[in-house]
Amino acid sequence: MYLAILITCSILSAILAALLLFFARSLVFMFSIFQGPVYVPSSDEDMQTMLKMAQLKKGTRVIDLGSGNGKIVLAAAQAGAIATGVEINPFLVRAARKNIQEAGMQKTAKILQQSFWKTGLSKYDVIFLYGTTYIMKKLEVKLRTEMKPGAVFISNYFQLPQLQPKQALGKIRKYQVR
């Protein structure tokens, strides 16, 4: 009798734990969707074009807004930059930090879990983004306000509404705001 109760409780506990895990992940995903665009990684080819346009040198300070799994952050750090990623989705943050650790790049690459709207841009030389259309007008205001003189903004596909790109290669655009 006690064994049957113990087995039943164990099974119910396992089911409850699985449901909680599933719904917790769903809630985090839904939260992330309402905070910004859904994550779509840049292709390797687009990433290489973005890095080429950035003309990274050792010590260049780079930030990737909406950094996802940290692919661009890691590549920039491997090219000699001091790279920061900003990502709101905790699952992507965890994956990015794991990728950085596995590559042994913790000294020159890091990921912040926060909204990039709350992240200051004034200390960065290069700002990367693969965003979406509806954020670009507000982002342009942020860039004009916060970017330091000489810094560049490189966008994968999506254009700033008022500024003209300094350079364009396919769908990758490089802007210099000031």
Protein backbone atom coordinates (compact mmCIF):
# COMPACT_ATOMS: atom_id res chain seq x y z
CA MET A 1 0.00 0.00 0.00
CA TYR A 2 2.72 2.45 1.00
CA LEU A 3 4.76 1.47 -2.04
CA ALA A 4 1.81 2.23 -4.35
CA ILE A 5 1.34 5.65 -2.73
CA LEU A 6 5.06 6.38 -2.99
CA ILE A 7 5.15 5.42 -6.67
CA THR A 8 2.03 7.49 -7.42
CA CYS A 9 3.47 10.52 -5.63
CA SER A 10 6.75 10.15 -7.50
CA ILE A 11 5.00 9.97 -10.86
CA LEU A 12 2.81 12.97 -10.05
CA SER A 13 5.86 14.94 -8.88
CA ALA A 14 7.70 14.17 -12.12
CA ILE A 15 4.70 15.24 -14.21
CA LEU A 16 4.30 18.45 -12.20
CA ALA A 17 8.02 19.26 -12.56
CA ALA A 18 7.87 18.70 -16.33
CA LEU A 19 4.80 20.95 -16.65
CA LEU A 20 6.42 23.70 -14.58
CA LEU A 21 9.58 23.55 -16.66
CA PHE A 22 7.61 23.66 -19.91
CA PHE A 23 5.42 26.60 -18.85
CA ALA A 24 8.34 28.51 -17.31
CA ARG A 25 10.22 28.33 -20.60
CA SER A 26 7.10 29.37 -22.50
CA LEU A 27 6.60 32.37 -20.22
CA VAL A 28 10.21 33.47 -20.64
CA PHE A 29 9.89 33.09 -24.42
CA MET A 30 6.66 35.10 -24.46
CA PHE A 31 8.26 37.77 -22.26
CA SER A 32 11.16 38.01 -24.70
CA ILE A 33 8.85 38.36 -27.70
CA PHE A 34 7.05 41.29 -26.12
CA GLN A 35 10.35 42.94 -25.20
CA GLY A 36 11.79 42.89 -28.71
CA PRO A 37 12.20 40.99 -31.97
CA VAL A 38 12.38 37.22 -32.12
CA TYR A 39 15.96 35.97 -32.40
CA VAL A 40 17.19 35.18 -35.90
CA PRO A 41 20.96 34.71 -36.19
CA SER A 42 23.01 36.42 -38.87
CA SER A 43 24.32 34.03 -41.49
CA ASP A 44 28.05 33.30 -41.42
CA GLU A 45 28.46 35.26 -44.67
CA ASP A 46 26.61 38.30 -43.28
CA MET A 47 28.61 38.11 -40.06
CA GLN A 48 31.88 38.12 -42.01
CA THR A 49 30.72 41.15 -44.01
CA MET A 50 29.76 42.96 -40.80
CA LEU A 51 33.15 42.23 -39.23
CA LYS A 52 34.96 43.32 -42.40
CA MET A 53 33.05 46.62 -42.45
CA ALA A 54 33.89 47.17 -38.77
CA GLN A 55 37.63 47.13 -39.52
CA LEU A 56 38.33 45.75 -36.07
CA LYS A 57 41.69 46.34 -34.49
CA LYS A 58 43.06 45.01 -31.25
CA GLY A 59 41.22 46.72 -28.40
CA THR A 60 38.30 48.04 -30.47
CA ARG A 61 35.26 48.22 -28.17
CA VAL A 62 32.31 46.45 -29.77
CA ILE A 63 28.70 45.90 -28.72
CA ASP A 64 26.13 43.64 -30.37
CA LEU A 65 22.57 44.72 -29.57
CA GLY A 66 20.32 41.67 -29.32
CA SER A 67 23.32 39.35 -29.40
CA GLY A 68 21.41 36.06 -29.31
CA ASN A 69 23.79 33.15 -28.93
CA GLY A 70 26.84 35.43 -28.95
CA LYS A 71 28.07 34.45 -32.41
CA ILE A 72 29.12 37.98 -33.44
CA VAL A 73 30.46 38.83 -29.99
CA LEU A 74 32.67 35.76 -30.04
CA ALA A 75 33.89 36.40 -33.60
CA ALA A 76 34.70 40.05 -32.77
CA ALA A 77 36.64 38.99 -29.66
CA GLN A 78 38.55 36.40 -31.68
CA ALA A 79 39.45 39.22 -34.10
CA GLY A 80 41.00 41.19 -31.21
CA ALA A 81 38.09 43.37 -30.09
CA ILE A 82 36.78 43.80 -26.58
CA ALA A 83 33.25 42.59 -27.26
CA THR A 84 30.01 42.90 -25.34
CA GLY A 85 26.65 41.42 -26.22
CA VAL A 86 23.31 42.55 -24.87
CA GLU A 87 20.51 40.02 -24.87
CA ILE A 88 17.22 39.92 -22.98
CA ASN A 89 16.37 36.22 -23.46
CA PRO A 90 17.86 34.26 -20.54
CA PHE A 91 18.14 31.03 -22.55
CA LEU A 92 20.15 32.77 -25.27
CA VAL A 93 22.28 34.51 -22.63
CA ARG A 94 23.11 31.16 -21.09
CA ALA A 95 23.97 29.66 -24.50
CA ALA A 96 26.14 32.68 -25.41
CA ARG A 97 28.03 32.59 -22.13
CA LYS A 98 28.63 28.87 -22.59
CA ASN A 99 29.94 29.46 -26.14
CA ILE A 100 32.29 32.18 -24.88
CA GLN A 101 33.56 29.97 -22.06
CA GLU A 102 34.09 26.98 -24.37
CA ALA A 103 36.13 29.22 -26.69
CA GLY A 104 38.19 30.51 -23.75
CA MET A 105 37.34 34.13 -24.57
CA GLN A 106 36.02 35.30 -21.16
CA LYS A 107 38.65 38.05 -20.90
CA THR A 108 37.55 39.82 -24.10
CA ALA A 109 33.92 38.77 -24.56
CA LYS A 110 30.91 39.05 -22.29
CA ILE A 111 27.14 38.97 -22.47
CA LEU A 112 24.83 41.21 -20.45
CA GLN A 113 21.28 40.05 -19.77
CA GLN A 114 19.24 43.22 -20.22
CA SER A 115 17.33 45.28 -22.73
CA PHE A 116 19.59 47.17 -25.09
CA TRP A 117 17.27 50.16 -24.68
CA LYS A 118 18.71 50.47 -21.17
CA THR A 119 22.31 50.01 -22.30
CA GLY A 120 24.56 53.04 -22.78
CA LEU A 121 26.44 53.16 -26.08
CA SER A 122 28.92 55.98 -25.48
CA LYS A 123 31.97 53.80 -24.80
CA TYR A 124 31.75 51.65 -27.93
CA ASP A 125 33.59 52.10 -31.21
CA VAL A 126 31.39 49.69 -33.18
CA ILE A 127 27.73 48.84 -32.64
CA PHE A 128 26.21 45.82 -34.40
CA LEU A 129 22.52 45.05 -34.82
CA TYR A 130 20.31 42.61 -36.67
CA GLY A 131 17.01 44.07 -35.55
CA THR A 132 13.68 44.66 -37.23
CA THR A 133 11.91 47.51 -38.99
CA TYR A 134 9.75 48.76 -36.14
CA ILE A 135 12.69 49.53 -33.81
CA MET A 136 14.87 51.45 -36.25
CA LYS A 137 13.33 54.92 -35.81
CA LYS A 138 13.63 54.79 -32.01
CA LEU A 139 17.10 53.23 -32.30
CA GLU A 140 18.27 56.04 -34.59
CA VAL A 141 17.38 58.56 -31.89
CA LYS A 142 19.32 56.50 -29.32
CA LEU A 143 22.33 56.29 -31.64
CA ARG A 144 22.32 60.04 -32.37
CA THR A 145 22.15 60.75 -28.65
CA GLU A 146 24.62 58.20 -27.29
CA MET A 147 27.22 57.27 -29.89
CA LYS A 148 30.63 58.79 -29.45
CA PRO A 149 32.22 60.74 -32.32
CA GLY A 150 33.85 58.43 -34.85
CA ALA A 151 31.90 55.34 -33.76
CA VAL A 152 30.11 53.27 -36.41
CA PHE A 153 26.81 51.42 -36.45
CA ILE A 154 26.55 48.32 -38.62
CA SER A 155 23.13 46.91 -39.41
CA ASN A 156 22.26 43.60 -40.95
CA TYR A 157 19.42 44.23 -43.41
CA PHE A 158 17.36 46.86 -41.58
CA GLN A 159 17.95 50.54 -42.40
CA LEU A 160 17.89 53.64 -40.25
CA PRO A 161 15.04 55.86 -41.50
CA GLN A 162 16.86 59.22 -41.73
CA LEU A 163 20.57 58.51 -42.03
CA GLN A 164 22.21 57.41 -45.23
CA PRO A 165 24.73 54.59 -44.94
CA LYS A 166 28.39 55.47 -45.30
CA GLN A 167 28.93 52.07 -46.93
CA ALA A 168 26.72 49.19 -48.06
CA LEU A 169 27.67 45.68 -49.13
CA GLY A 170 24.56 43.77 -50.12
CA LYS A 171 22.15 44.04 -47.22
CA ILE A 172 24.79 45.08 -44.67
CA ARG A 173 24.97 48.82 -43.97
CA LYS A 174 27.54 50.90 -42.13
CA TYR A 175 26.54 54.24 -40.63
CA GLN A 176 28.54 56.95 -38.95
CA VAL A 177 26.17 59.04 -36.88
CA ARG A 178 28.55 61.83 -35.80
